[in-house]
Amino acid sequence: MAKWDVTQSMSRKGNYLGNAPAESFFGHLKDEADIQSCDTFEELVAEIDLYINYYNNERPQWGLKGKTPAECRGFT
């Protein structure tokens, strides 16, 4: 990674709370996005983009009291 001048970022061992939001998102992505029907990398990228838009702007979140992430951040 030194070749690109980037630094790996990791929390301490056993610090599961730092990774929980990402794990939750990717769990929902795998369950809800239609990635199995993608035949090409471009189709996969487009499907993930659609899901991210849906997740942020349309999908109510239990932990956000039924609001979307965009609503909670004042983007709507």
PDB file of N, CA and C in Angstrom:
ATOM      1  N   MET A   1       0.813  -1.193   0.000  1.00  0.00           N
ATOM      2  CA  MET A   1       0.000   0.000   0.000  1.00  0.00           C
ATOM      3  C   MET A   1       0.857   1.259   0.000  1.00  0.00           C
ATOM      4  N   ALA A   2       2.109   1.120   0.340  1.00  0.00           N
ATOM      5  CA  ALA A   2       2.996   2.287   0.322  1.00  0.00           C
ATOM      6  C   ALA A   2       3.142   2.833  -1.097  1.00  0.00           C
ATOM      7  N   LYS A   3       2.983   1.966  -2.075  1.00  0.00           N
ATOM      8  CA  LYS A   3       3.074   2.368  -3.469  1.00  0.00           C
ATOM      9  C   LYS A   3       2.067   3.474  -3.807  1.00  0.00           C
ATOM     10  N   TRP A   4       0.888   3.454  -3.159  1.00  0.00           N
ATOM     11  CA  TRP A   4      -0.150   4.452  -3.420  1.00  0.00           C
ATOM     12  C   TRP A   4      -0.236   5.508  -2.327  1.00  0.00           C
ATOM     13  N   ASP A   5       0.654   5.459  -1.358  1.00  0.00           N
ATOM     14  CA  ASP A   5       0.690   6.416  -0.254  1.00  0.00           C
ATOM     15  C   ASP A   5      -0.622   6.435   0.520  1.00  0.00           C
ATOM     16  N   VAL A   6      -1.119   5.239   0.869  1.00  0.00           N
ATOM     17  CA  VAL A   6      -2.328   5.117   1.683  1.00  0.00           C
ATOM     18  C   VAL A   6      -2.005   4.351   2.956  1.00  0.00           C
ATOM     19  N   THR A   7      -2.805   4.558   3.976  1.00  0.00           N
ATOM     20  CA  THR A   7      -2.622   3.893   5.255  1.00  0.00           C
ATOM     21  C   THR A   7      -3.862   3.082   5.572  1.00  0.00           C
ATOM     22  N   GLN A   8      -3.673   1.843   5.977  1.00  0.00           N
ATOM     23  CA  GLN A   8      -4.788   0.997   6.352  1.00  0.00           C
ATOM     24  C   GLN A   8      -5.348   1.476   7.679  1.00  0.00           C
ATOM     25  N   SER A   9      -6.670   1.515   7.780  1.00  0.00           N
ATOM     26  CA  SER A   9      -7.312   1.962   9.007  1.00  0.00           C
ATOM     27  C   SER A   9      -8.077   0.802   9.625  1.00  0.00           C
ATOM     28  N   MET A  10      -7.725   0.469  10.840  1.00  0.00           N
ATOM     29  CA  MET A  10      -8.402  -0.612  11.552  1.00  0.00           C
ATOM     30  C   MET A  10      -8.532  -0.227  13.014  1.00  0.00           C
ATOM     31  N   SER A  11      -9.651  -0.629  13.602  1.00  0.00           N
ATOM     32  CA  SER A  11      -9.810  -0.392  15.029  1.00  0.00           C
ATOM     33  C   SER A  11      -9.047  -1.468  15.802  1.00  0.00           C
ATOM     34  N   ARG A  12      -8.963  -1.278  17.097  1.00  0.00           N
ATOM     35  CA  ARG A  12      -8.271  -2.256  17.931  1.00  0.00           C
ATOM     36  C   ARG A  12      -9.022  -3.589  17.926  1.00  0.00           C
ATOM     37  N   LYS A  13      -8.326  -4.642  18.180  1.00  0.00           N
ATOM     38  CA  LYS A  13      -8.921  -5.965  18.285  1.00  0.00           C
ATOM     39  C   LYS A  13     -10.005  -5.949  19.351  1.00  0.00           C
ATOM     40  N   GLY A  14     -11.163  -6.489  19.015  1.00  0.00           N
ATOM     41  CA  GLY A  14     -12.258  -6.559  19.971  1.00  0.00           C
ATOM     42  C   GLY A  14     -13.149  -5.331  20.003  1.00  0.00           C
ATOM     43  N   ASN A  15     -12.849  -4.323  19.171  1.00  0.00           N
ATOM     44  CA  ASN A  15     -13.657  -3.110  19.133  1.00  0.00           C
ATOM     45  C   ASN A  15     -14.734  -3.268  18.060  1.00  0.00           C
ATOM     46  N   TYR A  16     -15.735  -4.103  18.336  1.00  0.00           N
ATOM     47  CA  TYR A  16     -16.755  -4.432  17.353  1.00  0.00           C
ATOM     48  C   TYR A  16     -17.684  -3.268  17.027  1.00  0.00           C
ATOM     49  N   LEU A  17     -17.824  -2.295  17.913  1.00  0.00           N
ATOM     50  CA  LEU A  17     -18.759  -1.198  17.671  1.00  0.00           C
ATOM     51  C   LEU A  17     -18.335  -0.307  16.514  1.00  0.00           C
ATOM     52  N   GLY A  18     -17.047  -0.197  16.267  1.00  0.00           N
ATOM     53  CA  GLY A  18     -16.572   0.634  15.174  1.00  0.00           C
ATOM     54  C   GLY A  18     -16.955   0.097  13.811  1.00  0.00           C
ATOM     55  N   ASN A  19     -17.196  -1.198  13.716  1.00  0.00           N
ATOM     56  CA  ASN A  19     -17.486  -1.836  12.443  1.00  0.00           C
ATOM     57  C   ASN A  19     -18.979  -2.137  12.270  1.00  0.00           C
ATOM     58  N   ALA A  20     -19.786  -1.944  13.281  1.00  0.00           N
ATOM     59  CA  ALA A  20     -21.194  -2.341  13.248  1.00  0.00           C
ATOM     60  C   ALA A  20     -21.997  -1.678  12.140  1.00  0.00           C
ATOM     61  N   PRO A  21     -21.893  -0.366  11.913  1.00  0.00           N
ATOM     62  CA  PRO A  21     -22.693   0.241  10.832  1.00  0.00           C
ATOM     63  C   PRO A  21     -22.357  -0.328   9.453  1.00  0.00           C
ATOM     64  N   ALA A  22     -21.089  -0.546   9.184  1.00  0.00           N
ATOM     65  CA  ALA A  22     -20.690  -1.103   7.888  1.00  0.00           C
ATOM     66  C   ALA A  22     -21.182  -2.536   7.735  1.00  0.00           C
ATOM     67  N   GLU A  23     -21.036  -3.338   8.779  1.00  0.00           N
ATOM     68  CA  GLU A  23     -21.508  -4.718   8.729  1.00  0.00           C
ATOM     69  C   GLU A  23     -23.021  -4.773   8.518  1.00  0.00           C
ATOM     70  N   SER A  24     -23.749  -3.889   9.174  1.00  0.00           N
ATOM     71  CA  SER A  24     -25.198  -3.836   9.019  1.00  0.00           C
ATOM     72  C   SER A  24     -25.581  -3.486   7.585  1.00  0.00           C
ATOM     73  N   PHE A  25     -24.946  -2.441   7.040  1.00  0.00           N
ATOM     74  CA  PHE A  25     -25.243  -2.033   5.667  1.00  0.00           C
ATOM     75  C   PHE A  25     -24.978  -3.172   4.690  1.00  0.00           C
ATOM     76  N   PHE A  26     -23.804  -3.800   4.779  1.00  0.00           N
ATOM     77  CA  PHE A  26     -23.464  -4.853   3.829  1.00  0.00           C
ATOM     78  C   PHE A  26     -24.355  -6.081   3.995  1.00  0.00           C
ATOM     79  N   GLY A  27     -24.810  -6.344   5.202  1.00  0.00           N
ATOM     80  CA  GLY A  27     -25.766  -7.428   5.410  1.00  0.00           C
ATOM     81  C   GLY A  27     -27.078  -7.151   4.688  1.00  0.00           C
ATOM     82  N   HIS A  28     -27.584  -5.918   4.809  1.00  0.00           N
ATOM     83  CA  HIS A  28     -28.803  -5.540   4.101  1.00  0.00           C
ATOM     84  C   HIS A  28     -28.594  -5.554   2.590  1.00  0.00           C
ATOM     85  N   LEU A  29     -27.456  -5.074   2.138  1.00  0.00           N
ATOM     86  CA  LEU A  29     -27.149  -5.072   0.709  1.00  0.00           C
ATOM     87  C   LEU A  29     -27.231  -6.487   0.145  1.00  0.00           C
ATOM     88  N   LYS A  30     -26.601  -7.437   0.823  1.00  0.00           N
ATOM     89  CA  LYS A  30     -26.594  -8.815   0.340  1.00  0.00           C
ATOM     90  C   LYS A  30     -27.990  -9.421   0.343  1.00  0.00           C
ATOM     91  N   ASP A  31     -28.821  -9.054   1.326  1.00  0.00           N
ATOM     92  CA  ASP A  31     -30.174  -9.600   1.419  1.00  0.00           C
ATOM     93  C   ASP A  31     -31.161  -8.938   0.464  1.00  0.00           C
ATOM     94  N   GLU A  32     -30.992  -7.653   0.195  1.00  0.00           N
ATOM     95  CA  GLU A  32     -32.025  -6.893  -0.501  1.00  0.00           C
ATOM     96  C   GLU A  32     -31.710  -6.523  -1.945  1.00  0.00           C
ATOM     97  N   ALA A  33     -30.457  -6.371  -2.304  1.00  0.00           N
ATOM     98  CA  ALA A  33     -30.115  -5.991  -3.679  1.00  0.00           C
ATOM     99  C   ALA A  33     -30.143  -7.229  -4.577  1.00  0.00           C
ATOM    100  N   ASP A  34     -30.483  -7.028  -5.825  1.00  0.00           N
ATOM    101  CA  ASP A  34     -30.579  -8.130  -6.782  1.00  0.00           C
ATOM    102  C   ASP A  34     -29.250  -8.328  -7.497  1.00  0.00           C
ATOM    103  N   ILE A  35     -28.226  -8.680  -6.735  1.00  0.00           N
ATOM    104  CA  ILE A  35     -26.888  -8.795  -7.319  1.00  0.00           C
ATOM    105  C   ILE A  35     -26.689 -10.117  -8.063  1.00  0.00           C
ATOM    106  N   GLN A  36     -27.502 -11.117  -7.778  1.00  0.00           N
ATOM    107  CA  GLN A  36     -27.353 -12.418  -8.441  1.00  0.00           C
ATOM    108  C   GLN A  36     -27.677 -12.358  -9.929  1.00  0.00           C
ATOM    109  N   SER A  37     -28.531 -11.397 -10.317  1.00  0.00           N
ATOM    110  CA  SER A  37     -28.934 -11.314 -11.723  1.00  0.00           C
ATOM    111  C   SER A  37     -27.936 -10.535 -12.580  1.00  0.00           C
ATOM    112  N   CYS A  38     -26.900  -9.982 -11.972  1.00  0.00           N
ATOM    113  CA  CYS A  38     -25.915  -9.192 -12.719  1.00  0.00           C
ATOM    114  C   CYS A  38     -24.971 -10.115 -13.477  1.00  0.00           C
ATOM    115  N   ASP A  39     -24.819  -9.845 -14.773  1.00  0.00           N
ATOM    116  CA  ASP A  39     -23.933 -10.649 -15.612  1.00  0.00           C
ATOM    117  C   ASP A  39     -22.573 -10.004 -15.835  1.00  0.00           C
ATOM    118  N   THR A  40     -22.490  -8.691 -15.639  1.00  0.00           N
ATOM    119  CA  THR A  40     -21.230  -7.989 -15.866  1.00  0.00           C
ATOM    120  C   THR A  40     -20.889  -7.136 -14.655  1.00  0.00           C
ATOM    121  N   PHE A  41     -19.652  -6.724 -14.596  1.00  0.00           N
ATOM    122  CA  PHE A  41     -19.213  -5.849 -13.517  1.00  0.00           C
ATOM    123  C   PHE A  41     -19.975  -4.530 -13.552  1.00  0.00           C
ATOM    124  N   GLU A  42     -20.210  -4.014 -14.751  1.00  0.00           N
ATOM    125  CA  GLU A  42     -20.934  -2.751 -14.908  1.00  0.00           C
ATOM    126  C   GLU A  42     -22.358  -2.857 -14.369  1.00  0.00           C
ATOM    127  N   GLU A  43     -23.023  -3.993 -14.624  1.00  0.00           N
ATOM    128  CA  GLU A  43     -24.363  -4.215 -14.087  1.00  0.00           C
ATOM    129  C   GLU A  43     -24.335  -4.278 -12.561  1.00  0.00           C
ATOM    130  N   LEU A  44     -23.312  -4.917 -12.020  1.00  0.00           N
ATOM    131  CA  LEU A  44     -23.160  -5.003 -10.568  1.00  0.00           C
ATOM    132  C   LEU A  44     -22.988  -3.619  -9.951  1.00  0.00           C
ATOM    133  N   VAL A  45     -22.127  -2.792 -10.550  1.00  0.00           N
ATOM    134  CA  VAL A  45     -21.913  -1.434 -10.053  1.00  0.00           C
ATOM    135  C   VAL A  45     -23.214  -0.636 -10.106  1.00  0.00           C
ATOM    136  N   ALA A  46     -23.957  -0.767 -11.199  1.00  0.00           N
ATOM    137  CA  ALA A  46     -25.227  -0.047 -11.342  1.00  0.00           C
ATOM    138  C   ALA A  46     -26.232  -0.519 -10.290  1.00  0.00           C
ATOM    139  N   GLU A  47     -26.298  -1.814 -10.032  1.00  0.00           N
ATOM    140  CA  GLU A  47     -27.222  -2.349  -9.023  1.00  0.00           C
ATOM    141  C   GLU A  47     -26.852  -1.850  -7.628  1.00  0.00           C
ATOM    142  N   ILE A  48     -25.569  -1.821  -7.318  1.00  0.00           N
ATOM    143  CA  ILE A  48     -25.130  -1.329  -6.010  1.00  0.00           C
ATOM    144  C   ILE A  48     -25.430   0.163  -5.874  1.00  0.00           C
ATOM    145  N   ASP A  49     -25.204   0.935  -6.943  1.00  0.00           N
ATOM    146  CA  ASP A  49     -25.557   2.360  -6.914  1.00  0.00           C
ATOM    147  C   ASP A  49     -27.042   2.560  -6.654  1.00  0.00           C
ATOM    148  N   LEU A  50     -27.885   1.766  -7.317  1.00  0.00           N
ATOM    149  CA  LEU A  50     -29.336   1.855  -7.097  1.00  0.00           C
ATOM    150  C   LEU A  50     -29.682   1.530  -5.644  1.00  0.00           C
ATOM    151  N   TYR A  51     -29.041   0.495  -5.104  1.00  0.00           N
ATOM    152  CA  TYR A  51     -29.335   0.105  -3.732  1.00  0.00           C
ATOM    153  C   TYR A  51     -28.890   1.178  -2.736  1.00  0.00           C
ATOM    154  N   ILE A  52     -27.729   1.765  -2.955  1.00  0.00           N
ATOM    155  CA  ILE A  52     -27.249   2.819  -2.053  1.00  0.00           C
ATOM    156  C   ILE A  52     -28.224   3.993  -2.055  1.00  0.00           C
ATOM    157  N   ASN A  53     -28.708   4.369  -3.230  1.00  0.00           N
ATOM    158  CA  ASN A  53     -29.694   5.446  -3.321  1.00  0.00           C
ATOM    159  C   ASN A  53     -30.970   5.069  -2.559  1.00  0.00           C
ATOM    160  N   TYR A  54     -31.455   3.840  -2.777  1.00  0.00           N
ATOM    161  CA  TYR A  54     -32.641   3.356  -2.067  1.00  0.00           C
ATOM    162  C   TYR A  54     -32.411   3.362  -0.549  1.00  0.00           C
ATOM    163  N   TYR A  55     -31.289   2.842  -0.119  1.00  0.00           N
ATOM    164  CA  TYR A  55     -30.977   2.727   1.304  1.00  0.00           C
ATOM    165  C   TYR A  55     -30.941   4.109   1.975  1.00  0.00           C
ATOM    166  N   ASN A  56     -30.332   5.067   1.306  1.00  0.00           N
ATOM    167  CA  ASN A  56     -30.187   6.398   1.895  1.00  0.00           C
ATOM    168  C   ASN A  56     -31.437   7.256   1.820  1.00  0.00           C
ATOM    169  N   ASN A  57     -32.252   7.070   0.783  1.00  0.00           N
ATOM    170  CA  ASN A  57     -33.351   7.996   0.533  1.00  0.00           C
ATOM    171  C   ASN A  57     -34.759   7.426   0.691  1.00  0.00           C
ATOM    172  N   GLU A  58     -34.897   6.096   0.680  1.00  0.00           N
ATOM    173  CA  GLU A  58     -36.238   5.517   0.721  1.00  0.00           C
ATOM    174  C   GLU A  58     -36.457   4.501   1.834  1.00  0.00           C
ATOM    175  N   ARG A  59     -35.420   3.809   2.253  1.00  0.00           N
ATOM    176  CA  ARG A  59     -35.574   2.705   3.204  1.00  0.00           C
ATOM    177  C   ARG A  59     -35.591   3.220   4.644  1.00  0.00           C
ATOM    178  N   PRO A  60     -36.746   3.090   5.321  1.00  0.00           N
ATOM    179  CA  PRO A  60     -36.794   3.516   6.729  1.00  0.00           C
ATOM    180  C   PRO A  60     -35.867   2.651   7.582  1.00  0.00           C
ATOM    181  N   GLN A  61     -35.248   3.271   8.568  1.00  0.00           N
ATOM    182  CA  GLN A  61     -34.308   2.570   9.441  1.00  0.00           C
ATOM    183  C   GLN A  61     -34.889   2.456  10.849  1.00  0.00           C
ATOM    184  N   TRP A  62     -34.886   1.269  11.375  1.00  0.00           N
ATOM    185  CA  TRP A  62     -35.395   1.031  12.731  1.00  0.00           C
ATOM    186  C   TRP A  62     -34.650   1.900  13.742  1.00  0.00           C
ATOM    187  N   GLY A  63     -33.344   1.953  13.638  1.00  0.00           N
ATOM    188  CA  GLY A  63     -32.525   2.716  14.579  1.00  0.00           C
ATOM    189  C   GLY A  63     -32.650   4.223  14.429  1.00  0.00           C
ATOM    190  N   LEU A  64     -33.289   4.671  13.351  1.00  0.00           N
ATOM    191  CA  LEU A  64     -33.494   6.102  13.122  1.00  0.00           C
ATOM    192  C   LEU A  64     -34.966   6.476  13.310  1.00  0.00           C
ATOM    193  N   LYS A  65     -35.663   5.648  14.078  1.00  0.00           N
ATOM    194  CA  LYS A  65     -37.082   5.877  14.395  1.00  0.00           C
ATOM    195  C   LYS A  65     -37.952   5.982  13.145  1.00  0.00           C
ATOM    196  N   GLY A  66     -37.698   5.111  12.186  1.00  0.00           N
ATOM    197  CA  GLY A  66     -38.505   5.040  10.980  1.00  0.00           C
ATOM    198  C   GLY A  66     -38.163   6.055   9.908  1.00  0.00           C
ATOM    199  N   LYS A  67     -37.118   6.815  10.118  1.00  0.00           N
ATOM    200  CA  LYS A  67     -36.693   7.794   9.112  1.00  0.00           C
ATOM    201  C   LYS A  67     -35.610   7.187   8.228  1.00  0.00           C
ATOM    202  N   THR A  68     -35.393   7.813   7.082  1.00  0.00           N
ATOM    203  CA  THR A  68     -34.283   7.398   6.228  1.00  0.00           C
ATOM    204  C   THR A  68     -33.029   8.138   6.683  1.00  0.00           C
ATOM    205  N   PRO A  69     -31.836   7.647   6.304  1.00  0.00           N
ATOM    206  CA  PRO A  69     -30.620   8.393   6.641  1.00  0.00           C
ATOM    207  C   PRO A  69     -30.655   9.827   6.098  1.00  0.00           C
ATOM    208  N   ALA A  70     -31.190  10.018   4.887  1.00  0.00           N
ATOM    209  CA  ALA A  70     -31.262  11.365   4.309  1.00  0.00           C
ATOM    210  C   ALA A  70     -32.164  12.280   5.145  1.00  0.00           C
ATOM    211  N   GLU A  71     -33.273  11.741   5.643  1.00  0.00           N
ATOM    212  CA  GLU A  71     -34.182  12.546   6.489  1.00  0.00           C
ATOM    213  C   GLU A  71     -33.488  12.946   7.786  1.00  0.00           C
ATOM    214  N   CYS A  72     -32.753  12.025   8.360  1.00  0.00           N
ATOM    215  CA  CYS A  72     -32.080  12.318   9.639  1.00  0.00           C
ATOM    216  C   CYS A  72     -30.971  13.355   9.485  1.00  0.00           C
ATOM    217  N   ARG A  73     -30.396  13.420   8.326  1.00  0.00           N
ATOM    218  CA  ARG A  73     -29.307  14.372   8.093  1.00  0.00           C
ATOM    219  C   ARG A  73     -29.802  15.663   7.448  1.00  0.00           C
ATOM    220  N   GLY A  74     -31.119  15.763   7.264  1.00  0.00           N
ATOM    221  CA  GLY A  74     -31.716  16.997   6.742  1.00  0.00           C
ATOM    222  C   GLY A  74     -31.525  17.198   5.242  1.00  0.00           C
ATOM    223  N   PHE A  75     -31.350  16.081   4.494  1.00  0.00           N
ATOM    224  CA  PHE A  75     -31.159  16.199   3.051  1.00  0.00           C
ATOM    225  C   PHE A  75     -32.469  16.146   2.276  1.00  0.00           C
ATOM    226  N   THR A  76     -33.587  15.930   2.950  1.00  0.00           N
ATOM    227  CA  THR A  76     -34.873  15.884   2.237  1.00  0.00           C
ATOM    228  C   THR A  76     -35.791  16.961   2.737  1.00  0.00           C
TER     229      THR A  76
END
